[in-house]
Amino acid sequence: MKQPFALLIEDDRDVSALFRHVLGMAGYRAEIALNGVEAMDKLSTETPDIVLLDLQLPGISGVDILKKMRADDRLKTVPVVVITAYAYFANSLPVQPDLFLLKPVDIHDLSNLIRRLRSTKEMMQEEPYDKVTHLYTVSFFSVRLVFALERVKRLDVERFGILFASLHPFEALQEKLGEDVFNALLRKMADQYKSTMRPTDSMAWSADGFFLTLLEDLYNEEVPAMVATRVGKELNIFLKQHELGNGLQIQIGVLICDDGYESVQEMLDDVKFARTLVAQTTETGKRIYTRKELQELRSA
């Protein structure tokens, strides 16, 4: 099996040597770039599995490197962990990384984190985009959830959300229209769905009939409720325009995630349960679910 590649961009030689040792112990082939120019040279020819990035760099700043990576189709899905001594950067960067680590970094903590992130390697090696919708696959979307969960555990961020929009009855419509016609319709619907979100949002399509979006940094339930309402409105307009309003329903909800979750699979299991509840409920206003509420409903 090919060894995963980590690029460490850090101008302090002692720190970079120590971090490289930690990455090596976690199973990565790690290379160091001591300045921004060297980092961009490496990124021009290689696609890392993960990048650890200091922001204060000679030559080209870490902020500019992050912006260039996010604007590059080849590099924009590479997970980036920013290492900085300044906590305020977490909310002030023009482009957000996948995760922040605050200096001084505890080496044992870094080692444990890198080993956990190592488990995402197989998901990152798969095709990130669904061939029909051109949104993320659920597998690659799960990588984004790994970093979102780590972020709420490490920073002063309380929660994030997973919005789901299910098409019902999905299989019946797919069979009625045929694969080619249905796929063309689904691609148009995905474009409509994407237009309702921010360009930086992580969106995915699940092959069994629903869209997913990661909603980061939620401070109250008003934001996901408004987003869910907007998505529902836009997708229902799409159905009417294509004369599908009587045969297809959009069932939308949001799972609010906090640091009580221990794994991505737990979150996806709760999304599945919440989808079942949304499909069964006639209470049009109830579409937002928390981990605690779902635990109580399961035990009821």
C-alpha atoms as a PDB file:
ATOM      1  CA  MET A   1       0.000   0.000   0.000  1.00  0.00           C
ATOM      2  CA  LYS A   2       1.290   3.420  -0.963  1.00  0.00           C
ATOM      3  CA  GLN A   3       2.453   5.486   1.990  1.00  0.00           C
ATOM      4  CA  PRO A   4       0.379   8.688   2.468  1.00  0.00           C
ATOM      5  CA  PHE A   5       2.202  11.961   1.907  1.00  0.00           C
ATOM      6  CA  ALA A   6       2.136  14.862   4.376  1.00  0.00           C
ATOM      7  CA  LEU A   7       3.592  18.269   3.551  1.00  0.00           C
ATOM      8  CA  LEU A   8       4.727  20.260   6.588  1.00  0.00           C
ATOM      9  CA  ILE A   9       5.094  23.985   5.860  1.00  0.00           C
ATOM     10  CA  GLU A  10       6.921  25.522   8.824  1.00  0.00           C
ATOM     11  CA  ASP A  11       9.914  27.892   8.948  1.00  0.00           C
ATOM     12  CA  ASP A  12      11.164  26.865  12.401  1.00  0.00           C
ATOM     13  CA  ARG A  13      13.641  24.038  11.754  1.00  0.00           C
ATOM     14  CA  ASP A  14      13.396  22.545  15.247  1.00  0.00           C
ATOM     15  CA  VAL A  15       9.591  22.560  15.235  1.00  0.00           C
ATOM     16  CA  SER A  16       9.407  21.151  11.716  1.00  0.00           C
ATOM     17  CA  ALA A  17      11.863  18.351  12.561  1.00  0.00           C
ATOM     18  CA  LEU A  18       9.800  17.394  15.612  1.00  0.00           C
ATOM     19  CA  PHE A  19       6.518  17.455  13.675  1.00  0.00           C
ATOM     20  CA  ARG A  20       8.102  15.439  10.882  1.00  0.00           C
ATOM     21  CA  HIS A  21       9.061  12.759  13.400  1.00  0.00           C
ATOM     22  CA  VAL A  22       5.452  12.644  14.683  1.00  0.00           C
ATOM     23  CA  LEU A  23       4.101  12.340  11.148  1.00  0.00           C
ATOM     24  CA  GLY A  24       6.585   9.593  10.373  1.00  0.00           C
ATOM     25  CA  MET A  25       5.548   7.639  13.476  1.00  0.00           C
ATOM     26  CA  ALA A  26       1.921   7.936  12.304  1.00  0.00           C
ATOM     27  CA  GLY A  27       2.787   6.314   8.983  1.00  0.00           C
ATOM     28  CA  TYR A  28       3.219   9.332   6.718  1.00  0.00           C
ATOM     29  CA  ARG A  29       5.976  10.141   4.269  1.00  0.00           C
ATOM     30  CA  ALA A  30       6.585  13.680   5.481  1.00  0.00           C
ATOM     31  CA  GLU A  31       8.420  16.465   3.664  1.00  0.00           C
ATOM     32  CA  ILE A  32       9.258  19.921   4.974  1.00  0.00           C
ATOM     33  CA  ALA A  33       9.008  23.297   3.252  1.00  0.00           C
ATOM     34  CA  LEU A  34      10.754  26.044   5.242  1.00  0.00           C
ATOM     35  CA  ASN A  35       9.238  28.971   3.349  1.00  0.00           C
ATOM     36  CA  GLY A  36       6.256  29.830   1.193  1.00  0.00           C
ATOM     37  CA  VAL A  37       8.084  29.736  -2.140  1.00  0.00           C
ATOM     38  CA  GLU A  38       9.450  26.261  -1.463  1.00  0.00           C
ATOM     39  CA  ALA A  39       5.982  25.133  -0.366  1.00  0.00           C
ATOM     40  CA  MET A  40       4.347  26.340  -3.586  1.00  0.00           C
ATOM     41  CA  ASP A  41       7.080  24.641  -5.638  1.00  0.00           C
ATOM     42  CA  LYS A  42       6.281  21.328  -3.943  1.00  0.00           C
ATOM     43  CA  LEU A  43       2.529  21.840  -4.303  1.00  0.00           C
ATOM     44  CA  SER A  44       2.953  22.536  -8.015  1.00  0.00           C
ATOM     45  CA  THR A  45       4.181  18.994  -8.630  1.00  0.00           C
ATOM     46  CA  GLU A  46       2.701  16.893  -5.802  1.00  0.00           C
ATOM     47  CA  THR A  47      -0.728  16.425  -4.223  1.00  0.00           C
ATOM     48  CA  PRO A  48      -0.360  15.724  -0.489  1.00  0.00           C
ATOM     49  CA  ASP A  49      -2.808  13.667   1.526  1.00  0.00           C
ATOM     50  CA  ILE A  50      -2.632  16.355   4.199  1.00  0.00           C
ATOM     51  CA  VAL A  51      -0.894  19.714   4.734  1.00  0.00           C
ATOM     52  CA  LEU A  52       0.235  21.149   8.075  1.00  0.00           C
ATOM     53  CA  LEU A  53       0.600  24.884   7.554  1.00  0.00           C
ATOM     54  CA  ASP A  54       2.170  27.661   9.609  1.00  0.00           C
ATOM     55  CA  LEU A  55       0.747  31.090   8.745  1.00  0.00           C
ATOM     56  CA  GLN A  56       3.818  33.245   9.448  1.00  0.00           C
ATOM     57  CA  LEU A  57       6.172  32.290   6.624  1.00  0.00           C
ATOM     58  CA  PRO A  58       8.903  34.084   4.651  1.00  0.00           C
ATOM     59  CA  GLY A  59       8.371  34.502   0.920  1.00  0.00           C
ATOM     60  CA  ILE A  60       4.698  33.643   0.547  1.00  0.00           C
ATOM     61  CA  SER A  61       2.470  33.761   3.621  1.00  0.00           C
ATOM     62  CA  GLY A  62       0.512  30.774   4.871  1.00  0.00           C
ATOM     63  CA  VAL A  63      -2.706  32.711   4.250  1.00  0.00           C
ATOM     64  CA  ASP A  64      -1.805  33.129   0.573  1.00  0.00           C
ATOM     65  CA  ILE A  65      -0.852  29.455   0.289  1.00  0.00           C
ATOM     66  CA  LEU A  66      -4.224  28.465   1.729  1.00  0.00           C
ATOM     67  CA  LYS A  67      -6.041  30.773  -0.700  1.00  0.00           C
ATOM     68  CA  LYS A  68      -4.085  29.388  -3.674  1.00  0.00           C
ATOM     69  CA  MET A  69      -4.821  25.800  -2.618  1.00  0.00           C
ATOM     70  CA  ARG A  70      -8.544  26.434  -2.270  1.00  0.00           C
ATOM     71  CA  ALA A  71      -8.612  28.062  -5.728  1.00  0.00           C
ATOM     72  CA  ASP A  72      -6.827  25.115  -7.379  1.00  0.00           C
ATOM     73  CA  ASP A  73      -9.066  22.251  -8.564  1.00  0.00           C
ATOM     74  CA  ARG A  74      -6.311  19.720  -7.882  1.00  0.00           C
ATOM     75  CA  LEU A  75      -5.533  20.930  -4.380  1.00  0.00           C
ATOM     76  CA  LYS A  76      -8.808  22.331  -3.054  1.00  0.00           C
ATOM     77  CA  THR A  77      -9.897  19.060  -1.452  1.00  0.00           C
ATOM     78  CA  VAL A  78      -6.558  18.450   0.322  1.00  0.00           C
ATOM     79  CA  PRO A  79      -7.153  18.746   4.085  1.00  0.00           C
ATOM     80  CA  VAL A  80      -5.195  21.646   5.599  1.00  0.00           C
ATOM     81  CA  VAL A  81      -4.387  21.907   9.319  1.00  0.00           C
ATOM     82  CA  VAL A  82      -3.241  25.420  10.238  1.00  0.00           C
ATOM     83  CA  ILE A  83      -0.808  25.653  13.143  1.00  0.00           C
ATOM     84  CA  THR A  84      -0.718  29.093  14.733  1.00  0.00           C
ATOM     85  CA  ALA A  85      -0.128  30.837  18.046  1.00  0.00           C
ATOM     86  CA  TYR A  86      -2.961  33.299  17.375  1.00  0.00           C
ATOM     87  CA  ALA A  87      -6.448  32.045  18.194  1.00  0.00           C
ATOM     88  CA  TYR A  88      -8.163  35.019  16.541  1.00  0.00           C
ATOM     89  CA  PHE A  89      -7.091  33.701  13.137  1.00  0.00           C
ATOM     90  CA  ALA A  90      -9.749  31.004  13.549  1.00  0.00           C
ATOM     91  CA  ASN A  91     -12.467  33.497  12.674  1.00  0.00           C
ATOM     92  CA  SER A  92     -10.582  36.104  10.655  1.00  0.00           C
ATOM     93  CA  LEU A  93      -9.036  34.212   7.737  1.00  0.00           C
ATOM     94  CA  PRO A  94     -10.512  34.968   4.296  1.00  0.00           C
ATOM     95  CA  VAL A  95     -10.402  31.231   3.519  1.00  0.00           C
ATOM     96  CA  GLN A  96     -10.938  28.641   6.221  1.00  0.00           C
ATOM     97  CA  PRO A  97      -8.681  25.606   6.717  1.00  0.00           C
ATOM     98  CA  ASP A  98     -10.070  22.249   7.769  1.00  0.00           C
ATOM     99  CA  LEU A  99      -8.684  22.536  11.288  1.00  0.00           C
ATOM    100  CA  PHE A 100      -6.664  24.799  13.586  1.00  0.00           C
ATOM    101  CA  LEU A 101      -4.012  23.713  16.070  1.00  0.00           C
ATOM    102  CA  LEU A 102      -2.894  26.371  18.544  1.00  0.00           C
ATOM    103  CA  LYS A 103       0.760  26.697  19.570  1.00  0.00           C
ATOM    104  CA  PRO A 104       2.356  25.512  21.722  1.00  0.00           C
ATOM    105  CA  VAL A 105       1.230  22.172  20.314  1.00  0.00           C
ATOM    106  CA  ASP A 106       1.204  19.214  22.672  1.00  0.00           C
ATOM    107  CA  ILE A 107       3.180  16.524  20.855  1.00  0.00           C
ATOM    108  CA  HIS A 108       1.142  13.649  22.294  1.00  0.00           C
ATOM    109  CA  ASP A 109      -2.042  15.421  21.259  1.00  0.00           C
ATOM    110  CA  LEU A 110      -0.659  16.041  17.770  1.00  0.00           C
ATOM    111  CA  SER A 111       0.379  12.399  17.481  1.00  0.00           C
ATOM    112  CA  ASN A 112      -3.095  11.178  18.462  1.00  0.00           C
ATOM    113  CA  LEU A 113      -4.729  13.642  16.059  1.00  0.00           C
ATOM    114  CA  ILE A 114      -2.532  12.609  13.127  1.00  0.00           C
ATOM    115  CA  ARG A 115      -3.280   8.952  13.785  1.00  0.00           C
ATOM    116  CA  ARG A 116      -7.026   9.673  13.774  1.00  0.00           C
ATOM    117  CA  LEU A 117      -6.756  11.668  10.575  1.00  0.00           C
ATOM    118  CA  ARG A 118      -4.705   8.827   9.086  1.00  0.00           C
ATOM    119  CA  SER A 119      -7.941   6.813   9.078  1.00  0.00           C
ATOM    120  CA  THR A 120      -9.326   9.164   6.428  1.00  0.00           C
ATOM    121  CA  LYS A 121      -6.637   8.194   3.915  1.00  0.00           C
ATOM    122  CA  GLU A 122      -8.709   5.524   2.168  1.00  0.00           C
ATOM    123  CA  MET A 123     -11.637   7.924   1.809  1.00  0.00           C
ATOM    124  CA  MET A 124      -9.359  10.606   0.388  1.00  0.00           C
ATOM    125  CA  GLN A 125      -7.954   8.173  -2.180  1.00  0.00           C
ATOM    126  CA  GLU A 126     -11.405   7.567  -3.680  1.00  0.00           C
ATOM    127  CA  GLU A 127     -12.974   9.793  -6.333  1.00  0.00           C
ATOM    128  CA  PRO A 128     -14.211  12.809  -4.372  1.00  0.00           C
ATOM    129  CA  TYR A 129     -17.032  13.741  -6.751  1.00  0.00           C
ATOM    130  CA  ASP A 130     -20.199  11.925  -7.757  1.00  0.00           C
ATOM    131  CA  LYS A 131     -20.218  11.431 -11.534  1.00  0.00           C
ATOM    132  CA  VAL A 132     -23.832  12.526 -12.028  1.00  0.00           C
ATOM    133  CA  THR A 133     -24.286  15.461  -9.635  1.00  0.00           C
ATOM    134  CA  HIS A 134     -20.631  16.602  -9.462  1.00  0.00           C
ATOM    135  CA  LEU A 135     -21.105  17.043  -5.704  1.00  0.00           C
ATOM    136  CA  TYR A 136     -18.950  15.216  -3.140  1.00  0.00           C
ATOM    137  CA  THR A 137     -19.535  11.528  -2.598  1.00  0.00           C
ATOM    138  CA  VAL A 138     -20.679  10.567   0.911  1.00  0.00           C
ATOM    139  CA  SER A 139     -17.301   8.927   1.470  1.00  0.00           C
ATOM    140  CA  PHE A 140     -15.404  12.142   0.784  1.00  0.00           C
ATOM    141  CA  PHE A 141     -18.031  14.213   2.609  1.00  0.00           C
ATOM    142  CA  SER A 142     -17.216  12.056   5.642  1.00  0.00           C
ATOM    143  CA  VAL A 143     -13.647  13.373   5.518  1.00  0.00           C
ATOM    144  CA  ARG A 144     -15.020  16.913   5.889  1.00  0.00           C
ATOM    145  CA  LEU A 145     -17.069  15.712   8.873  1.00  0.00           C
ATOM    146  CA  VAL A 146     -13.929  14.307  10.514  1.00  0.00           C
ATOM    147  CA  PHE A 147     -12.372  17.772  10.482  1.00  0.00           C
ATOM    148  CA  ALA A 148     -15.601  19.505  11.515  1.00  0.00           C
ATOM    149  CA  LEU A 149     -15.842  17.245  14.564  1.00  0.00           C
ATOM    150  CA  GLU A 150     -12.200  17.813  15.484  1.00  0.00           C
ATOM    151  CA  ARG A 151     -12.782  21.563  15.150  1.00  0.00           C
ATOM    152  CA  VAL A 152     -15.643  21.693  17.672  1.00  0.00           C
ATOM    153  CA  LYS A 153     -13.587  19.631  20.086  1.00  0.00           C
ATOM    154  CA  ARG A 154     -10.585  21.989  19.850  1.00  0.00           C
ATOM    155  CA  LEU A 155     -11.881  25.521  19.311  1.00  0.00           C
ATOM    156  CA  ASP A 156     -14.489  27.783  20.853  1.00  0.00           C
ATOM    157  CA  VAL A 157     -17.062  26.526  18.367  1.00  0.00           C
ATOM    158  CA  GLU A 158     -20.092  24.910  19.911  1.00  0.00           C
ATOM    159  CA  ARG A 159     -21.849  23.136  17.047  1.00  0.00           C
ATOM    160  CA  PHE A 160     -22.162  22.478  13.354  1.00  0.00           C
ATOM    161  CA  GLY A 161     -25.011  21.095  11.300  1.00  0.00           C
ATOM    162  CA  ILE A 162     -25.650  18.469   8.644  1.00  0.00           C
ATOM    163  CA  LEU A 163     -28.526  19.455   6.378  1.00  0.00           C
ATOM    164  CA  PHE A 164     -30.199  16.654   4.436  1.00  0.00           C
ATOM    165  CA  ALA A 165     -32.712  16.943   1.600  1.00  0.00           C
ATOM    166  CA  SER A 166     -34.286  13.631   0.608  1.00  0.00           C
ATOM    167  CA  LEU A 167     -36.107  12.926  -2.655  1.00  0.00           C
ATOM    168  CA  HIS A 168     -39.201  10.751  -2.158  1.00  0.00           C
ATOM    169  CA  PRO A 169     -40.113   8.368  -3.733  1.00  0.00           C
ATOM    170  CA  PHE A 170     -36.624   8.293  -5.233  1.00  0.00           C
ATOM    171  CA  GLU A 171     -36.437   4.746  -6.596  1.00  0.00           C
ATOM    172  CA  ALA A 172     -39.920   4.873  -8.134  1.00  0.00           C
ATOM    173  CA  LEU A 173     -39.110   8.053 -10.060  1.00  0.00           C
ATOM    174  CA  GLN A 174     -35.756   6.654 -11.155  1.00  0.00           C
ATOM    175  CA  GLU A 175     -37.493   3.561 -12.538  1.00  0.00           C
ATOM    176  CA  LYS A 176     -40.262   5.590 -14.197  1.00  0.00           C
ATOM    177  CA  LEU A 177     -37.949   8.013 -16.030  1.00  0.00           C
ATOM    178  CA  GLY A 178     -35.124   5.647 -16.908  1.00  0.00           C
ATOM    179  CA  GLU A 179     -31.459   6.107 -16.072  1.00  0.00           C
ATOM    180  CA  ASP A 180     -30.466   8.645 -18.732  1.00  0.00           C
ATOM    181  CA  VAL A 181     -33.455  10.968 -18.293  1.00  0.00           C
ATOM    182  CA  PHE A 182     -33.320  10.693 -14.518  1.00  0.00           C
ATOM    183  CA  ASN A 183     -29.584  11.432 -14.372  1.00  0.00           C
ATOM    184  CA  ALA A 184     -30.016  14.520 -16.550  1.00  0.00           C
ATOM    185  CA  LEU A 185     -32.794  15.724 -14.241  1.00  0.00           C
ATOM    186  CA  LEU A 186     -30.744  14.955 -11.139  1.00  0.00           C
ATOM    187  CA  ARG A 187     -27.776  16.919 -12.472  1.00  0.00           C
ATOM    188  CA  LYS A 188     -30.005  19.969 -13.005  1.00  0.00           C
ATOM    189  CA  MET A 189     -31.477  19.563  -9.533  1.00  0.00           C
ATOM    190  CA  ALA A 190     -27.974  19.336  -8.045  1.00  0.00           C
ATOM    191  CA  ASP A 191     -27.070  22.598  -9.771  1.00  0.00           C
ATOM    192  CA  GLN A 192     -30.192  24.199  -8.297  1.00  0.00           C
ATOM    193  CA  TYR A 193     -29.317  22.812  -4.864  1.00  0.00           C
ATOM    194  CA  LYS A 194     -25.756  24.095  -5.151  1.00  0.00           C
ATOM    195  CA  SER A 195     -26.985  27.571  -6.103  1.00  0.00           C
ATOM    196  CA  THR A 196     -28.810  27.868  -2.755  1.00  0.00           C
ATOM    197  CA  MET A 197     -25.603  27.307  -0.771  1.00  0.00           C
ATOM    198  CA  ARG A 198     -22.435  29.281  -0.258  1.00  0.00           C
ATOM    199  CA  PRO A 199     -19.561  28.412  -2.637  1.00  0.00           C
ATOM    200  CA  THR A 200     -17.484  27.290   0.364  1.00  0.00           C
ATOM    201  CA  ASP A 201     -20.110  24.852   1.688  1.00  0.00           C
ATOM    202  CA  SER A 202     -19.343  21.132   1.486  1.00  0.00           C
ATOM    203  CA  MET A 203     -22.193  19.430  -0.406  1.00  0.00           C
ATOM    204  CA  ALA A 204     -22.660  15.765  -1.222  1.00  0.00           C
ATOM    205  CA  TRP A 205     -25.043  13.398  -2.964  1.00  0.00           C
ATOM    206  CA  SER A 206     -25.922   9.981  -1.560  1.00  0.00           C
ATOM    207  CA  ALA A 207     -26.732   7.322  -4.140  1.00  0.00           C
ATOM    208  CA  ASP A 208     -29.853   6.288  -2.231  1.00  0.00           C
ATOM    209  CA  GLY A 209     -31.551   9.608  -2.833  1.00  0.00           C
ATOM    210  CA  PHE A 210     -30.548  12.610  -0.742  1.00  0.00           C
ATOM    211  CA  PHE A 211     -28.357  15.690  -0.670  1.00  0.00           C
ATOM    212  CA  LEU A 212     -26.098  16.590   2.265  1.00  0.00           C
ATOM    213  CA  THR A 213     -24.530  19.900   3.276  1.00  0.00           C
ATOM    214  CA  LEU A 214     -22.117  20.666   6.106  1.00  0.00           C
ATOM    215  CA  LEU A 215     -23.184  23.845   7.944  1.00  0.00           C
ATOM    216  CA  GLU A 216     -20.253  24.977  10.079  1.00  0.00           C
ATOM    217  CA  ASP A 217     -20.067  27.261  13.135  1.00  0.00           C
ATOM    218  CA  LEU A 218     -23.710  27.298  14.236  1.00  0.00           C
ATOM    219  CA  TYR A 219     -24.477  29.520  17.223  1.00  0.00           C
ATOM    220  CA  ASN A 220     -28.262  29.076  17.203  1.00  0.00           C
ATOM    221  CA  GLU A 221     -30.970  27.072  15.428  1.00  0.00           C
ATOM    222  CA  GLU A 222     -32.281  30.025  13.468  1.00  0.00           C
ATOM    223  CA  VAL A 223     -29.566  29.776  10.800  1.00  0.00           C
ATOM    224  CA  PRO A 224     -30.090  26.084   9.869  1.00  0.00           C
ATOM    225  CA  ALA A 225     -33.861  26.592   9.977  1.00  0.00           C
ATOM    226  CA  MET A 226     -33.588  29.481   7.522  1.00  0.00           C
ATOM    227  CA  VAL A 227     -31.245  27.497   5.260  1.00  0.00           C
ATOM    228  CA  ALA A 228     -33.608  24.493   5.321  1.00  0.00           C
ATOM    229  CA  THR A 229     -36.544  26.735   4.417  1.00  0.00           C
ATOM    230  CA  ARG A 230     -34.616  28.307   1.539  1.00  0.00           C
ATOM    231  CA  VAL A 231     -33.495  24.927   0.193  1.00  0.00           C
ATOM    232  CA  GLY A 232     -37.021  23.558   0.368  1.00  0.00           C
ATOM    233  CA  LYS A 233     -38.423  26.571  -1.455  1.00  0.00           C
ATOM    234  CA  GLU A 234     -35.847  26.418  -4.256  1.00  0.00           C
ATOM    235  CA  LEU A 235     -36.109  22.677  -4.801  1.00  0.00           C
ATOM    236  CA  ASN A 236     -39.911  22.775  -4.825  1.00  0.00           C
ATOM    237  CA  ILE A 237     -39.762  25.506  -7.463  1.00  0.00           C
ATOM    238  CA  PHE A 238     -37.499  23.213  -9.471  1.00  0.00           C
ATOM    239  CA  LEU A 239     -40.010  20.336  -9.188  1.00  0.00           C
ATOM    240  CA  LYS A 240     -42.878  22.503 -10.375  1.00  0.00           C
ATOM    241  CA  GLN A 241     -40.858  23.815 -13.301  1.00  0.00           C
ATOM    242  CA  HIS A 242     -40.213  20.228 -14.383  1.00  0.00           C
ATOM    243  CA  GLU A 243     -43.805  19.126 -13.659  1.00  0.00           C
ATOM    244  CA  LEU A 244     -42.774  16.788 -10.860  1.00  0.00           C
ATOM    245  CA  GLY A 245     -44.570  18.526  -8.009  1.00  0.00           C
ATOM    246  CA  ASN A 246     -47.235  15.821  -7.663  1.00  0.00           C
ATOM    247  CA  GLY A 247     -44.937  12.849  -7.965  1.00  0.00           C
ATOM    248  CA  LEU A 248     -41.869  13.805  -5.923  1.00  0.00           C
ATOM    249  CA  GLN A 249     -41.483  15.309  -2.452  1.00  0.00           C
ATOM    250  CA  ILE A 250     -38.545  17.085  -0.845  1.00  0.00           C
ATOM    251  CA  GLN A 251     -38.066  16.096   2.797  1.00  0.00           C
ATOM    252  CA  ILE A 252     -35.592  18.385   4.554  1.00  0.00           C
ATOM    253  CA  GLY A 253     -34.040  18.410   8.003  1.00  0.00           C
ATOM    254  CA  VAL A 254     -30.901  19.368   9.905  1.00  0.00           C
ATOM    255  CA  LEU A 255     -28.916  17.419  12.455  1.00  0.00           C
ATOM    256  CA  ILE A 256     -27.170  19.684  14.972  1.00  0.00           C
ATOM    257  CA  CYS A 257     -23.804  18.153  15.919  1.00  0.00           C
ATOM    258  CA  ASP A 258     -21.739  18.933  19.022  1.00  0.00           C
ATOM    259  CA  ASP A 259     -18.567  17.611  20.635  1.00  0.00           C
ATOM    260  CA  GLY A 260     -20.540  14.752  22.203  1.00  0.00           C
ATOM    261  CA  TYR A 261     -20.170  12.767  19.009  1.00  0.00           C
ATOM    262  CA  GLU A 262     -17.241  10.371  18.939  1.00  0.00           C
ATOM    263  CA  SER A 263     -17.215   9.411  15.267  1.00  0.00           C
ATOM    264  CA  VAL A 264     -18.510  10.296  11.835  1.00  0.00           C
ATOM    265  CA  GLN A 265     -20.472   7.046  11.704  1.00  0.00           C
ATOM    266  CA  GLU A 266     -22.461   8.126  14.775  1.00  0.00           C
ATOM    267  CA  MET A 267     -23.422  11.337  12.985  1.00  0.00           C
ATOM    268  CA  LEU A 268     -24.393   9.557   9.773  1.00  0.00           C
ATOM    269  CA  ASP A 269     -26.488   7.072  11.762  1.00  0.00           C
ATOM    270  CA  ASP A 270     -28.307   9.998  13.374  1.00  0.00           C
ATOM    271  CA  VAL A 271     -28.851  11.602   9.959  1.00  0.00           C
ATOM    272  CA  LYS A 272     -30.468   8.350   8.817  1.00  0.00           C
ATOM    273  CA  PHE A 273     -32.711   8.295  11.896  1.00  0.00           C
ATOM    274  CA  ALA A 274     -33.622  11.972  11.495  1.00  0.00           C
ATOM    275  CA  ARG A 275     -34.526  11.352   7.845  1.00  0.00           C
ATOM    276  CA  THR A 276     -36.931   8.644   8.999  1.00  0.00           C
ATOM    277  CA  LEU A 277     -38.531  11.035  11.482  1.00  0.00           C
ATOM    278  CA  VAL A 278     -38.919  13.800   8.900  1.00  0.00           C
ATOM    279  CA  ALA A 279     -40.546  11.348   6.491  1.00  0.00           C
ATOM    280  CA  GLN A 280     -43.053  10.318   9.156  1.00  0.00           C
ATOM    281  CA  THR A 281     -43.916  13.650  10.721  1.00  0.00           C
ATOM    282  CA  THR A 282     -46.777  15.912   9.707  1.00  0.00           C
ATOM    283  CA  GLU A 283     -45.417  18.734  11.878  1.00  0.00           C
ATOM    284  CA  THR A 284     -44.087  21.046   9.181  1.00  0.00           C
ATOM    285  CA  GLY A 285     -42.136  23.235  11.623  1.00  0.00           C
ATOM    286  CA  LYS A 286     -40.110  20.403  13.171  1.00  0.00           C
ATOM    287  CA  ARG A 287     -37.065  19.749  11.038  1.00  0.00           C
ATOM    288  CA  ILE A 288     -34.139  20.456  13.397  1.00  0.00           C
ATOM    289  CA  TYR A 289     -32.811  17.629  15.561  1.00  0.00           C
ATOM    290  CA  THR A 290     -30.055  17.429  18.163  1.00  0.00           C
ATOM    291  CA  ARG A 291     -28.039  14.446  19.336  1.00  0.00           C
ATOM    292  CA  LYS A 292     -29.772  14.512  22.719  1.00  0.00           C
ATOM    293  CA  GLU A 293     -33.266  14.641  21.205  1.00  0.00           C
ATOM    294  CA  LEU A 294     -32.552  11.674  18.960  1.00  0.00           C
ATOM    295  CA  GLN A 295     -31.180   9.693  21.901  1.00  0.00           C
ATOM    296  CA  GLU A 296     -34.404  10.350  23.816  1.00  0.00           C
ATOM    297  CA  LEU A 297     -36.578   9.415  20.839  1.00  0.00           C
ATOM    298  CA  ARG A 298     -34.686   6.173  20.336  1.00  0.00           C
ATOM    299  CA  SER A 299     -35.148   5.158  23.971  1.00  0.00           C
ATOM    300  CA  ALA A 300     -38.830   6.203  24.112  1.00  0.00           C
END
